[in-house]
Structures are given as C-alpha cells and as structure tokens.
Protein backbone atom coordinates (compact mmCIF):
# COMPACT_ATOMS: atom_id res chain seq x y z
CA UNK A 1 34.72 -21.52 -8.13
CA UNK A 2 33.03 -19.09 -9.79
CA UNK A 3 29.89 -21.41 -9.87
CA UNK A 4 30.13 -22.07 -6.40
CA UNK A 5 30.17 -18.06 -5.85
CA UNK A 6 27.35 -17.46 -8.07
CA UNK A 7 25.19 -20.15 -6.42
CA UNK A 8 26.22 -18.81 -2.95
CA UNK A 9 25.14 -15.15 -3.93
CA UNK A 10 21.54 -16.52 -4.81
CA UNK A 11 21.02 -18.33 -1.61
CA UNK A 12 21.79 -14.70 0.04
CA UNK A 13 19.53 -12.98 -2.13
CA UNK A 14 16.69 -15.09 -1.64
CA UNK A 15 17.46 -15.45 2.41
CA UNK A 16 17.45 -11.51 2.48
CA UNK A 17 14.74 -11.19 -0.05
CA UNK A 18 12.72 -12.90 2.41
CA UNK A 19 13.38 -11.32 5.32
CA UNK A 20 12.12 -7.88 4.62
CA UNK A 21 9.32 -6.50 7.37
CA UNK A 22 8.26 -6.87 10.62
CA UNK A 23 5.49 -9.42 11.96
CA UNK A 24 1.95 -8.77 12.90
CA UNK A 25 1.33 -9.54 16.48
CA UNK A 26 -2.70 -7.81 16.46
CA UNK A 27 -5.05 -10.44 16.07
CA UNK A 28 -6.70 -10.04 12.33
CA UNK A 29 -9.85 -8.14 12.28
CA UNK A 30 -11.80 -9.88 10.29
CA UNK A 31 -15.78 -8.99 10.08
CA UNK A 32 -18.35 -11.37 10.54
CA UNK A 33 -20.29 -10.13 7.60
CA UNK A 34 -17.59 -10.66 5.40
CA UNK A 35 -18.03 -14.34 5.98
CA UNK A 36 -21.78 -14.68 5.70
CA UNK A 37 -22.64 -12.46 3.20
CA UNK A 38 -21.94 -12.10 -0.47
CA UNK A 39 -19.81 -8.98 -0.51
CA UNK A 40 -16.70 -10.75 -2.16
CA UNK A 41 -16.01 -9.50 -5.86
CA UNK A 42 -17.32 -12.17 -8.77
CA UNK A 43 -15.74 -14.06 -10.81
CA UNK A 44 -17.65 -13.21 -13.78
CA UNK A 45 -17.69 -10.44 -16.19
CA UNK A 46 -19.77 -7.61 -16.27
CA UNK A 47 -22.95 -7.11 -17.42
CA UNK A 48 -23.20 -4.62 -20.90
CA UNK A 49 -24.56 -2.34 -18.76
CA UNK A 50 -22.19 -2.57 -15.61
CA UNK A 51 -19.73 0.00 -15.03
CA UNK A 52 -17.10 -1.92 -12.83
CA UNK A 53 -13.98 -0.72 -11.02
CA UNK A 54 -11.65 -3.04 -9.52
CA UNK A 55 -8.65 -2.11 -7.15
CA UNK A 56 -5.64 -3.93 -5.54
CA UNK A 57 -4.38 -2.54 -2.47
CA UNK A 58 -1.11 -3.65 -0.56
CA UNK A 59 0.29 -1.33 1.92
CA UNK A 60 2.91 -1.13 4.80
CA UNK A 61 5.43 -3.70 2.80
CA UNK A 62 9.35 -3.87 4.01
CA UNK A 63 10.13 -6.62 1.68
CA UNK A 64 11.00 -6.82 -2.64
CA UNK A 65 9.81 -10.64 -2.63
CA UNK A 66 5.74 -10.56 -2.65
CA UNK A 67 5.88 -8.04 -5.91
CA UNK A 68 6.43 -10.27 -8.66
CA UNK A 69 3.25 -12.61 -7.88
CA UNK A 70 1.65 -9.15 -7.18
CA UNK A 71 2.61 -8.76 -11.14
CA UNK A 72 1.27 -12.11 -12.63
CA UNK A 73 -2.35 -11.07 -10.37
CA UNK A 74 -2.78 -7.84 -12.59
CA UNK A 75 -1.99 -9.51 -15.77
CA UNK A 76 -4.47 -11.85 -15.41
CA UNK A 77 -7.02 -9.52 -14.21
CA UNK A 78 -6.11 -6.90 -16.65
CA UNK A 79 -6.14 -9.29 -19.46
CA UNK A 80 -9.71 -10.50 -18.70
CA UNK A 81 -11.54 -7.22 -18.85
CA UNK A 82 -14.25 -5.78 -20.74
CA UNK A 83 -14.34 -2.63 -22.58
CA UNK A 84 -14.61 -0.08 -19.95
CA UNK A 85 -13.52 -1.43 -16.81
CA UNK A 86 -10.52 -0.99 -15.12
CA UNK A 87 -7.99 -2.62 -13.11
CA UNK A 88 -5.76 -0.08 -11.05
CA UNK A 89 -2.95 -1.36 -8.36
CA UNK A 90 -2.10 0.93 -5.16
CA UNK A 91 0.32 0.79 -2.17
CA UNK A 92 -1.22 2.88 0.82
CA UNK A 93 2.50 4.18 2.65
CA UNK A 94 5.12 3.19 4.18
CA UNK A 95 7.70 1.21 1.02
CA UNK A 96 10.74 3.40 1.74
CA UNK A 97 11.64 2.44 5.48
CA UNK A 98 12.35 0.97 7.85
CA UNK A 99 14.14 -2.20 6.59
CA UNK A 100 18.07 -2.64 6.24
CA UNK A 101 17.38 -2.98 1.91
CA UNK A 102 16.60 1.14 2.08
CA UNK A 103 19.17 2.02 4.50
CA UNK A 104 22.11 1.35 2.26
CA UNK A 105 20.15 1.65 -1.21
CA UNK A 106 17.80 4.58 -0.20
CA UNK A 107 14.82 3.27 -1.41
CA UNK A 108 15.96 2.18 -5.24
CA UNK A 109 14.77 -1.23 -5.43
CA UNK A 110 12.09 -0.87 -3.87
CA UNK A 111 11.09 1.79 -6.48
CA UNK A 112 11.96 -0.17 -9.26
CA UNK A 113 10.36 -3.14 -8.29
CA UNK A 114 7.40 -0.56 -7.81
CA UNK A 115 7.51 0.52 -11.55
CA UNK A 116 8.05 -2.39 -12.44
CA UNK A 117 4.80 -4.44 -11.03
CA UNK A 118 3.62 -1.54 -11.93
CA UNK A 119 1.65 0.12 -8.60
CA UNK A 120 -0.40 2.70 -10.34
CA UNK A 121 -0.66 4.46 -7.16
CA UNK A 122 1.45 5.74 -4.18
CA UNK A 123 0.22 7.38 -1.38
CA UNK A 124 2.30 8.84 1.78
CA UNK A 125 3.29 7.06 5.43
CA UNK A 126 5.18 7.93 7.82
CA UNK A 127 8.01 5.95 7.09
CA UNK A 128 8.84 7.81 4.47
CA UNK A 129 10.38 10.80 5.91
CA UNK A 130 12.63 8.18 7.97
CA UNK A 131 15.47 8.17 4.77
CA UNK A 132 17.06 11.22 3.14
CA UNK A 133 14.83 13.93 2.43
CA UNK A 134 16.62 14.44 -1.11
CA UNK A 135 16.10 11.09 -2.09
CA UNK A 136 12.58 10.85 -1.70
CA UNK A 137 11.88 13.89 -2.99
CA UNK A 138 13.95 11.98 -6.53
CA UNK A 139 11.78 8.91 -5.98
CA UNK A 140 8.64 11.05 -6.14
CA UNK A 141 10.11 12.46 -9.53
CA UNK A 142 10.80 9.91 -10.90
CA UNK A 143 7.99 7.52 -10.17
CA UNK A 144 6.19 6.35 -13.44
CA UNK A 145 2.91 6.12 -11.70
CA UNK A 146 0.48 8.54 -9.40
CA UNK A 147 1.77 9.75 -6.29
CA UNK A 148 -1.13 10.96 -4.37
CA UNK A 149 -1.05 13.67 -1.12
CA UNK A 150 -4.04 15.27 -0.55
CA UNK A 151 -2.55 16.66 3.59
CA UNK A 152 0.80 17.91 3.10
CA UNK A 153 0.62 20.11 -0.19
CA UNK A 154 3.51 22.50 0.88
CA UNK A 155 6.00 18.99 0.28
CA UNK A 156 9.09 20.02 -1.60
CA UNK A 157 8.39 17.69 -4.69
CA UNK A 158 4.61 18.47 -4.69
CA UNK A 159 4.62 19.32 -8.42
CA UNK A 160 5.11 15.40 -9.26
CA UNK A 161 2.09 14.61 -6.53
CA UNK A 162 -1.42 15.37 -7.10
CA UNK A 163 -3.88 16.43 -4.43
CA UNK A 164 -6.64 14.52 -6.26
CA UNK A 165 -7.27 12.19 -8.71
CA UNK A 166 -10.45 10.72 -10.58
CA UNK A 167 -11.09 7.42 -12.51
CA UNK A 168 -13.45 7.08 -14.85
CA UNK A 169 -15.48 3.33 -15.71
CA UNK A 170 -18.04 3.14 -18.09
CA UNK A 171 -20.10 0.09 -19.30
CA UNK A 172 -19.29 -2.53 -22.15
CA UNK A 173 -22.44 -0.58 -24.37
CA UNK A 174 -21.67 2.48 -22.92
CA UNK A 175 -24.69 3.32 -21.11
CA UNK A 176 -23.14 4.11 -17.71
CA UNK A 177 -20.21 6.17 -17.28
CA UNK A 178 -18.95 6.31 -13.39
CA UNK A 179 -16.56 8.27 -11.46
CA UNK A 180 -14.29 7.44 -8.88
CA UNK A 181 -12.39 10.10 -6.85
CA UNK A 182 -9.14 8.92 -4.78
CA UNK A 183 -7.50 10.91 -1.86
CA UNK A 184 -5.16 10.28 0.13
CA UNK A 185 -4.14 11.64 3.67
CA UNK A 186 -1.36 10.59 6.41
CA UNK A 187 -1.42 10.78 9.82
CA UNK A 188 -0.07 13.69 11.46
CA UNK A 189 0.29 12.60 14.99
CA UNK A 190 2.89 14.06 16.55
CA UNK A 191 4.26 11.45 18.24
CA UNK A 192 5.28 9.78 15.11
CA UNK A 193 7.31 12.48 14.43
CA UNK A 194 8.67 13.96 17.94
CA UNK A 195 12.36 12.12 17.11
CA UNK A 196 12.99 14.30 13.84
CA UNK A 197 15.32 17.16 14.40
CA UNK A 198 14.19 20.27 12.84
CA UNK A 199 13.25 21.13 9.86
CA UNK A 200 10.91 18.42 11.24
CA UNK A 201 10.04 15.11 8.89
CA UNK A 202 9.51 15.32 4.80
CA UNK A 203 11.50 18.38 5.23
CA UNK A 204 9.81 20.35 7.26
CA UNK A 205 5.97 19.82 4.82
CA UNK A 206 3.05 20.60 6.94
CA UNK A 207 0.96 17.81 7.61
CA UNK A 208 -2.73 19.27 7.43
CA UNK A 209 -5.43 17.47 9.94
CA UNK A 210 -6.69 14.31 7.83
CA UNK A 211 -10.34 14.94 8.45
CA UNK A 212 -10.43 18.21 7.22
CA UNK A 213 -8.39 17.56 4.41
CA UNK A 214 -11.41 14.66 3.38
CA UNK A 215 -13.96 17.38 4.20
CA UNK A 216 -12.74 19.35 1.56
CA UNK A 217 -12.12 16.87 -0.97
CA UNK A 218 -14.87 15.19 -0.35
CA UNK A 219 -16.77 18.45 -1.56
CA UNK A 220 -14.41 19.11 -4.42
CA UNK A 221 -14.75 15.46 -5.80
CA UNK A 222 -18.48 15.27 -5.45
CA UNK A 223 -19.25 18.81 -6.73
CA UNK A 224 -16.67 20.18 -8.67
CA UNK A 225 -15.55 16.83 -10.44
CA UNK A 226 -18.90 15.09 -10.33
CA UNK A 227 -17.69 11.87 -8.71
CA UNK A 228 -20.15 9.76 -7.92
CA UNK A 229 -17.96 8.12 -4.95
CA UNK A 230 -14.64 9.06 -2.79
CA UNK A 231 -12.74 7.05 -2.12
CA UNK A 232 -10.64 7.72 1.11
CA UNK A 233 -6.80 6.11 0.68
CA UNK A 234 -5.13 6.34 4.21
CA UNK A 235 -2.07 5.74 6.27
CA UNK A 236 -3.98 6.16 9.79
CA UNK A 237 -4.25 3.68 13.16
CA UNK A 238 -7.17 1.98 13.18
CA UNK A 239 -9.29 4.20 15.99
CA UNK A 240 -8.61 6.88 13.40
CA UNK A 241 -10.16 4.78 10.64
CA UNK A 242 -13.18 5.00 12.52
CA UNK A 243 -13.61 8.62 12.62
CA UNK A 244 -13.57 8.47 9.07
CA UNK A 245 -16.25 6.14 9.31
CA UNK A 246 -18.06 7.84 11.84
CA UNK A 247 -18.06 11.47 10.52
CA UNK A 248 -18.32 10.79 6.48
CA UNK A 249 -20.61 8.66 4.83
CA UNK A 250 -17.77 7.01 2.43
CA UNK A 251 -19.14 3.13 1.17
CA UNK A 252 -15.51 1.62 1.62
CA UNK A 253 -11.86 2.82 2.95
CA UNK A 254 -8.51 1.86 2.09
CA UNK A 255 -6.27 2.23 4.15
CA UNK A 256 -2.98 1.29 6.35
CA UNK A 257 -0.22 2.16 9.28
CA UNK A 258 -1.61 -1.66 11.47
CA UNK A 259 0.42 -4.49 10.37
CA UNK A 260 -2.56 -6.45 10.23
CA UNK A 261 -5.36 -7.73 8.21
CA UNK A 262 -8.99 -5.61 9.09
CA UNK A 263 -12.21 -6.15 7.29
CA UNK A 264 -15.29 -4.50 9.20
CA UNK A 265 -17.97 -2.07 8.79
CA UNK A 266 -18.44 0.40 10.97
CA UNK A 267 -21.25 3.29 10.95
CA UNK A 268 -22.24 2.01 7.77
CA UNK A 269 -18.19 2.48 6.02
CA UNK A 270 -16.47 -0.82 5.26
CA UNK A 271 -12.59 -0.08 6.40
CA UNK A 272 -10.13 -2.78 4.45
CA UNK A 273 -6.52 -3.18 5.58
CA UNK A 274 -4.42 -6.08 3.72
CA UNK A 275 -1.84 -6.05 6.53
CA UNK A 276 1.81 -5.64 5.74
CA UNK A 277 4.62 -7.09 2.66
CA UNK A 278 1.62 -7.57 0.08
CA UNK A 279 1.62 -10.86 2.07
CA UNK A 280 -2.23 -10.15 0.73
CA UNK A 281 -3.94 -7.89 -1.01
CA UNK A 282 -7.16 -6.41 -0.84
CA UNK A 283 -9.26 -6.90 -4.24
CA UNK A 284 -12.24 -4.12 -3.99
CA UNK A 285 -14.56 -3.88 -6.86
CA UNK A 286 -16.88 -0.89 -6.52
CA UNK A 287 -19.83 -1.38 -9.45
CA UNK A 288 -23.20 0.37 -10.67
CA UNK A 289 -25.71 -2.12 -12.32
CA UNK A 290 -26.69 -0.02 -15.12
CA UNK A 291 -27.28 4.31 -15.72
CA UNK A 292 -30.56 3.97 -13.33
CA UNK A 293 -28.08 2.95 -10.52
CA UNK A 294 -27.91 5.28 -7.37
CA UNK A 295 -24.07 7.34 -7.10
CA UNK A 296 -23.85 4.82 -4.31
CA UNK A 297 -22.09 2.21 -5.68
CA UNK A 298 -22.01 -1.82 -4.71
CA UNK A 299 -18.92 -2.44 -2.88
CA UNK A 300 -17.64 -6.12 -2.88
CA UNK A 301 -14.19 -7.11 -1.40
CA UNK A 302 -11.72 -9.72 -0.12
CA UNK A 303 -7.97 -10.44 0.67
CA UNK A 304 -6.28 -12.40 -1.24
CA UNK A 305 -2.63 -14.13 -0.63
CA UNK A 306 -0.27 -13.15 -3.45
CA UNK A 307 1.71 -16.04 -3.15
CA UNK A 308 -1.49 -17.98 -5.09
CA UNK A 309 0.22 -16.80 -7.87
CA UNK A 310 3.25 -17.61 -10.31
CA UNK A 311 5.87 -14.98 -9.72
CA UNK A 312 6.99 -13.34 -12.57
CA UNK A 313 10.15 -14.70 -13.24
CA UNK A 314 11.80 -11.23 -14.58
CA UNK A 315 10.87 -9.38 -11.91
CA UNK A 316 11.22 -11.56 -9.41
CA UNK A 317 15.59 -11.74 -10.88
CA UNK A 318 15.63 -8.42 -10.76
CA UNK A 319 14.18 -7.98 -6.92
CA UNK A 320 17.20 -10.99 -5.92
CA UNK A 321 19.53 -9.07 -7.50
CA UNK A 322 18.69 -5.95 -5.86
CA UNK A 323 19.76 -6.99 -2.57
CA UNK A 324 23.46 -7.69 -3.83
CA UNK A 325 23.82 -3.80 -1.91
CA UNK A 326 23.76 -6.03 1.38
CA UNK A 327 26.28 -8.52 0.26
CA UNK A 328 28.96 -6.61 1.84
CA UNK A 329 27.07 -7.03 5.18
CA UNK A 330 26.47 -10.33 5.14
CA UNK A 331 29.84 -11.99 6.65
CA UNK A 332 30.37 -8.19 8.72
CA UNK A 333 30.95 -8.56 12.09
CA UNK A 334 29.60 -5.65 14.07
CA UNK A 335 29.53 -6.87 17.93
CA UNK A 336 29.94 -10.27 19.88
CA UNK A 337 26.19 -11.11 21.42
CA UNK A 338 26.67 -12.28 24.90
CA UNK A 339 24.95 -15.80 25.37
CA UNK A 340 22.03 -13.85 27.77
CA UNK A 341 20.80 -12.67 24.32
CA UNK A 342 20.67 -16.24 22.01
CA UNK A 343 19.31 -16.87 19.93
CA UNK A 344 19.07 -13.16 18.84
CA UNK A 345 15.80 -12.35 16.59
CA UNK A 346 14.08 -9.31 15.78
CA UNK A 347 10.57 -11.07 15.55
CA UNK A 348 7.30 -10.07 16.48
CA UNK A 349 9.03 -6.64 17.64
CA UNK A 350 6.22 -4.70 16.93
CA UNK A 351 4.14 -6.09 19.33
CA UNK A 352 5.84 -7.86 22.24
CA UNK A 353 9.73 -7.52 23.69
CA UNK A 354 12.34 -9.31 21.20
CA UNK A 355 15.97 -10.24 21.88
CA UNK A 356 17.26 -7.84 19.47
CA UNK A 357 15.87 -5.03 21.28
CA UNK A 358 16.83 -6.49 24.46
CA UNK A 359 20.54 -6.28 23.10
CA UNK A 360 20.46 -2.54 21.76
C-alpha cells in the first residue's frame, strides 16, 4: 500500500513539474546573421592572452523542470575554465509568478531551485509584483546570489539588492584584465500594473524610466568604474529593446519579457532573448584577444537546449518534491466543466483564445 502511494505521488510530481509555464505562440526571431557567420561561442580554450567572460541566461521561468539540467551545464562549463576566465548565470525576470506552485508556496520552491542551481544574478520582472510583497522581500533578503535592480531603488528590500555590478576577467597570462558592467531594468509600462490597488506594484516602489536609468549607469560604469563594456539586463518587450538598441551603442543586450526566442542585430546591437521556462538558455561569450584590443569585445552567442544536459539527480528530486505542496489540490473538485468547454486547456493562452479562458 505504501509503495503504491509513493509511486502515485512520484507520478503526480512529474506531471506537475512538466506543467509549469505558458506556451510561446509568437514565432521565434532568429536573425540570419547568426546562421551564416561565426558568431557562436567557441569550444576552444582561450589563448593565454585572451580575457573571456561566459554568461548563461534564462528568463521568464514558470516551472522547476529545467533547473537540474542547467545545473549540470553550469558545472560542465565551470570545470573547463582556464585561470582568470569566469562563467556567470542569470535569470532576467519573471520567476515568482504566475504559475500554480507559487500561488500556493509563494515562491519557496522556485527560490530553492535558483539557489541550488545556482543562478548568480536575478533581475526583476513585472510578475514578481504578483505575489505577496512581504514574501517577495523575504526572498530578496535570503537569496544567496546578487539581485540587481537599477530602476526601482526605493524598493523596500533595496538593502539586499545592488543597483549595478562589475565582473572582472583576466587572461591566463595576467596581461589582459577587463571589466564588464551589469545594469538591470524592468518595464515601467503602466498597462502592466493597471490592476494593482494602492500602494501599487512592488509595495509602491517607483519604477524609473529604463532609458534614463541606462544612461545614468552607463556613465557610472564606464567613467567611474572603468568598465570596458556595459551589458544591459532588461525585462522589456521587443519594441522597447529596439529602443535601447537605437539610442545607445551597447554591443549586446540580454532581455526577457517576451516568451519567444530572439537573436537579431538592431543598429549594431545584438539582442538576445532565450524564450520562456529555461527550455533554451543563452550562452554569451565576451572576449578580448589581448591587452591591445579595444574596449569593445568580440561577441559570440547561441541558444542551447537545456535538456541536452543530464539533469542533476539531487536537484531534480528536490524540485519534484517541491510540487508536493500541490498534492492536496490534485483531486479537489473546484467546479463542473460543461461539455461545451472540453477538452479544457490553457495551452497557448498568451497568444490565442483557449477553452480555459472561455470557461473562466
């Protein structure tokens, strides 16, 4: 009896783990330049004089399903590092909502997965405003990595966040040291927050204009911190990302908010968005051949399917167990579904009318 119960729970966990986010209906936008030019990261070790930073980015994650594979990928990349090079990981917004698990556990399972992967940098997405503000502040203060927040600095938990960060890499021979500045902005579009009652989203924090903020921190990072390059981490829709591309001279931007993959060059700036749920991750390499190279790095990037890496068994089990919080709901009847709305499904709700939407 006990064995059957445990097996049934395991099957339920697996089905819940796979049922996290919303499907992306917008076609992927992968620019032709990435298919026909040598812009993908190299598997070769850097030359002794080369300084290299590798960044692994995921975004808009509404399920715990892929973190165990991301962990294996990060471990593999870090195991092959040469002295002075670095690999950092980041999630550029939308991870605490909206999905069923966080509605019940207020983000506990997600934050555990982020810490254990580990994800080094988190940035705000608009949906982090969707769960209890006190719970969010607790998560911010307990997160072991760096929570970047450049344009919402009167946030209640700003004491546990940073307005920017600087990552330094050095060549193996020590002759070439470079600095990469990170700044993070979330959308201030009023339509995203129109449903919030006073004091408003994020506990009433002020979301400053993303482009004014980027102007400010580009100056600080380049002129005060001596950064060779500034990398914007954005949670904006593609048209707003394009505005950043047009108004600045950043070599590359990492962004989220849209749920489809984007790899394109706009006004000389490469825009990368890996799509939702960590199904794909961006692998971005910034490198400088030697000390005489200009401050503008060589940019190489590609998307990889995270499932190509074997999941870390321990983290996979932890993530499956996190869904035990939903077991009491599994066989709870909330309402009878009329035949008109069957089969009941929310798949593709972001891009089309679905039966669940009609029913609700």
